[in-house]
Amino acid sequence: MNDLPLTIVLSWYEQKAVAVLLTLLSLGVKGIYLGPTLPAFVSPNVLDFLVKEFGVSPISTPAEDMKKMLG
């Protein structure tokens, strides 16, 4: 699945987003963008682990994010 030309931006607007994130991580999906703010349970240590193990990134500005996503 990680070979597909697909970018996932997971927005934290409802509680289901946690279940979606955990499901994607359990399936081995990498390169997920989180935002606009990180959920309260994502401490700096948790974020560091997610970045290293799964390539998770917090979103930044739309222009910077599009540059990263489109190469």
N, C-alpha and C. Protein backbone atom coordinates (compact mmCIF):
# COMPACT_ATOMS: atom_id res chain seq x y z
N MET A 1 0.82 -1.19 0.00
CA MET A 1 0.00 0.00 0.00
C MET A 1 0.87 1.26 0.00
N ASN A 2 2.03 1.20 0.65
CA ASN A 2 2.89 2.38 0.73
C ASN A 2 3.50 2.74 -0.62
N ASP A 3 3.40 1.83 -1.61
CA ASP A 3 3.92 2.11 -2.95
C ASP A 3 2.93 2.88 -3.81
N LEU A 4 1.68 2.99 -3.38
CA LEU A 4 0.68 3.72 -4.15
C LEU A 4 0.93 5.22 -4.08
N PRO A 5 0.62 5.95 -5.14
CA PRO A 5 0.79 7.41 -5.11
C PRO A 5 -0.36 8.05 -4.34
N LEU A 6 -0.35 7.88 -3.02
CA LEU A 6 -1.45 8.30 -2.17
C LEU A 6 -0.89 9.05 -0.97
N THR A 7 -1.48 10.17 -0.63
CA THR A 7 -1.11 10.92 0.56
C THR A 7 -2.33 11.03 1.45
N ILE A 8 -2.14 10.73 2.73
CA ILE A 8 -3.24 10.79 3.68
C ILE A 8 -2.99 11.94 4.65
N VAL A 9 -3.94 12.85 4.74
CA VAL A 9 -3.90 13.93 5.72
C VAL A 9 -5.07 13.69 6.66
N LEU A 10 -4.77 13.34 7.90
CA LEU A 10 -5.79 13.00 8.88
C LEU A 10 -6.03 14.21 9.78
N SER A 11 -7.23 14.78 9.68
CA SER A 11 -7.58 15.97 10.47
C SER A 11 -8.28 15.55 11.76
N TRP A 12 -7.97 16.25 12.82
CA TRP A 12 -8.50 15.92 14.14
C TRP A 12 -9.73 16.76 14.45
N TYR A 13 -10.85 16.39 13.86
CA TYR A 13 -12.08 17.12 14.13
C TYR A 13 -13.10 16.29 14.89
N GLU A 14 -12.86 15.01 15.00
CA GLU A 14 -13.78 14.16 15.76
C GLU A 14 -13.00 12.98 16.33
N GLN A 15 -13.62 12.29 17.29
CA GLN A 15 -12.95 11.21 18.00
C GLN A 15 -12.65 10.01 17.12
N LYS A 16 -13.39 9.84 16.03
CA LYS A 16 -13.14 8.70 15.14
C LYS A 16 -11.76 8.77 14.53
N ALA A 17 -11.16 9.94 14.49
CA ALA A 17 -9.84 10.09 13.88
C ALA A 17 -8.80 9.23 14.59
N VAL A 18 -8.93 9.04 15.90
CA VAL A 18 -8.00 8.19 16.64
C VAL A 18 -8.11 6.75 16.14
N ALA A 19 -9.33 6.26 15.98
CA ALA A 19 -9.53 4.90 15.48
C ALA A 19 -9.00 4.76 14.06
N VAL A 20 -9.20 5.77 13.23
CA VAL A 20 -8.69 5.74 11.85
C VAL A 20 -7.17 5.69 11.88
N LEU A 21 -6.53 6.53 12.69
CA LEU A 21 -5.07 6.55 12.78
C LEU A 21 -4.54 5.20 13.24
N LEU A 22 -5.10 4.64 14.29
CA LEU A 22 -4.63 3.35 14.79
C LEU A 22 -4.82 2.25 13.77
N THR A 23 -5.92 2.28 13.03
CA THR A 23 -6.15 1.29 11.98
C THR A 23 -5.10 1.41 10.88
N LEU A 24 -4.85 2.63 10.42
CA LEU A 24 -3.85 2.83 9.37
C LEU A 24 -2.46 2.39 9.84
N LEU A 25 -2.10 2.71 11.07
CA LEU A 25 -0.80 2.29 11.59
C LEU A 25 -0.71 0.78 11.71
N SER A 26 -1.79 0.12 12.14
CA SER A 26 -1.77 -1.34 12.26
C SER A 26 -1.67 -2.02 10.90
N LEU A 27 -2.13 -1.34 9.85
CA LEU A 27 -2.01 -1.87 8.49
C LEU A 27 -0.64 -1.58 7.89
N GLY A 28 0.18 -0.82 8.61
CA GLY A 28 1.52 -0.51 8.14
C GLY A 28 1.60 0.67 7.21
N VAL A 29 0.55 1.48 7.16
CA VAL A 29 0.55 2.66 6.28
C VAL A 29 1.54 3.68 6.85
N LYS A 30 2.38 4.21 5.99
CA LYS A 30 3.38 5.20 6.41
C LYS A 30 3.16 6.51 5.68
N GLY A 31 3.76 7.57 6.21
CA GLY A 31 3.68 8.87 5.55
C GLY A 31 2.37 9.59 5.76
N ILE A 32 1.76 9.42 6.92
CA ILE A 32 0.49 10.08 7.25
C ILE A 32 0.79 11.48 7.79
N TYR A 33 0.02 12.45 7.36
CA TYR A 33 0.13 13.82 7.87
C TYR A 33 -0.99 14.06 8.87
N LEU A 34 -0.66 14.65 10.03
CA LEU A 34 -1.65 14.92 11.08
C LEU A 34 -1.81 16.42 11.27
N GLY A 35 -3.04 16.85 11.52
CA GLY A 35 -3.25 18.27 11.78
C GLY A 35 -4.71 18.62 11.79
N PRO A 36 -5.10 19.84 11.95
CA PRO A 36 -4.26 21.04 12.00
C PRO A 36 -3.50 21.18 13.31
N THR A 37 -3.99 20.59 14.38
CA THR A 37 -3.24 20.52 15.62
C THR A 37 -3.12 19.06 15.99
N LEU A 38 -2.13 18.74 16.77
CA LEU A 38 -1.97 17.35 17.20
C LEU A 38 -2.89 17.08 18.38
N PRO A 39 -3.41 15.86 18.48
CA PRO A 39 -4.27 15.53 19.62
C PRO A 39 -3.47 15.59 20.92
N ALA A 40 -4.18 15.76 22.02
CA ALA A 40 -3.54 15.94 23.33
C ALA A 40 -2.68 14.75 23.73
N PHE A 41 -3.02 13.54 23.29
CA PHE A 41 -2.26 12.37 23.71
C PHE A 41 -0.92 12.23 22.97
N VAL A 42 -0.68 13.05 21.96
CA VAL A 42 0.58 12.98 21.22
C VAL A 42 1.59 13.91 21.89
N SER A 43 2.31 13.33 22.84
CA SER A 43 3.38 14.07 23.52
C SER A 43 4.59 14.15 22.59
N PRO A 44 5.58 14.94 22.93
CA PRO A 44 6.78 14.98 22.09
C PRO A 44 7.42 13.61 21.89
N ASN A 45 7.43 12.77 22.94
CA ASN A 45 7.99 11.42 22.81
C ASN A 45 7.16 10.55 21.89
N VAL A 46 5.85 10.63 21.99
CA VAL A 46 4.97 9.85 21.11
C VAL A 46 5.14 10.32 19.67
N LEU A 47 5.20 11.63 19.45
CA LEU A 47 5.40 12.15 18.10
C LEU A 47 6.73 11.68 17.53
N ASP A 48 7.78 11.71 18.34
CA ASP A 48 9.10 11.25 17.89
C ASP A 48 9.03 9.79 17.45
N PHE A 49 8.35 8.95 18.23
CA PHE A 49 8.19 7.53 17.87
C PHE A 49 7.41 7.38 16.57
N LEU A 50 6.30 8.10 16.44
CA LEU A 50 5.48 8.01 15.22
C LEU A 50 6.25 8.48 13.99
N VAL A 51 7.07 9.51 14.15
CA VAL A 51 7.87 10.01 13.03
C VAL A 51 8.91 8.96 12.62
N LYS A 52 9.62 8.40 13.60
CA LYS A 52 10.68 7.43 13.30
C LYS A 52 10.14 6.11 12.77
N GLU A 53 9.07 5.61 13.36
CA GLU A 53 8.57 4.28 13.00
C GLU A 53 7.60 4.28 11.82
N PHE A 54 6.83 5.36 11.66
CA PHE A 54 5.76 5.36 10.67
C PHE A 54 5.82 6.52 9.68
N GLY A 55 6.78 7.41 9.83
CA GLY A 55 6.87 8.54 8.91
C GLY A 55 5.73 9.52 9.05
N VAL A 56 5.13 9.58 10.25
CA VAL A 56 4.03 10.51 10.50
C VAL A 56 4.60 11.92 10.59
N SER A 57 3.90 12.90 10.02
CA SER A 57 4.34 14.29 10.05
C SER A 57 3.19 15.20 10.43
N PRO A 58 3.46 16.18 11.32
CA PRO A 58 2.44 17.20 11.54
C PRO A 58 2.36 18.08 10.30
N ILE A 59 1.18 18.58 9.98
CA ILE A 59 1.07 19.47 8.83
C ILE A 59 1.63 20.83 9.19
N SER A 60 2.00 21.59 8.17
CA SER A 60 2.52 22.94 8.40
C SER A 60 1.66 23.92 7.61
N THR A 61 2.23 24.62 6.68
CA THR A 61 1.43 25.52 5.84
C THR A 61 0.97 24.76 4.60
N PRO A 62 -0.13 25.18 4.00
CA PRO A 62 -0.59 24.48 2.79
C PRO A 62 0.47 24.42 1.69
N ALA A 63 1.20 25.51 1.48
CA ALA A 63 2.22 25.52 0.42
C ALA A 63 3.34 24.53 0.72
N GLU A 64 3.82 24.51 1.96
CA GLU A 64 4.89 23.58 2.33
C GLU A 64 4.41 22.14 2.26
N ASP A 65 3.18 21.88 2.72
CA ASP A 65 2.64 20.53 2.69
C ASP A 65 2.48 20.03 1.26
N MET A 66 1.98 20.87 0.38
CA MET A 66 1.81 20.46 -1.02
C MET A 66 3.16 20.16 -1.67
N LYS A 67 4.16 20.96 -1.32
CA LYS A 67 5.50 20.73 -1.87
C LYS A 67 6.02 19.35 -1.43
N LYS A 68 5.82 19.02 -0.13
CA LYS A 68 6.27 17.71 0.38
C LYS A 68 5.48 16.57 -0.26
N MET A 69 4.17 16.74 -0.36
CA MET A 69 3.31 15.67 -0.85
C MET A 69 3.48 15.41 -2.34
N LEU A 70 3.72 16.45 -3.10
CA LEU A 70 3.83 16.30 -4.55
C LEU A 70 5.27 16.14 -5.03
N GLY A 71 6.21 16.25 -4.10
CA GLY A 71 7.61 16.06 -4.46
C GLY A 71 8.16 17.25 -5.02
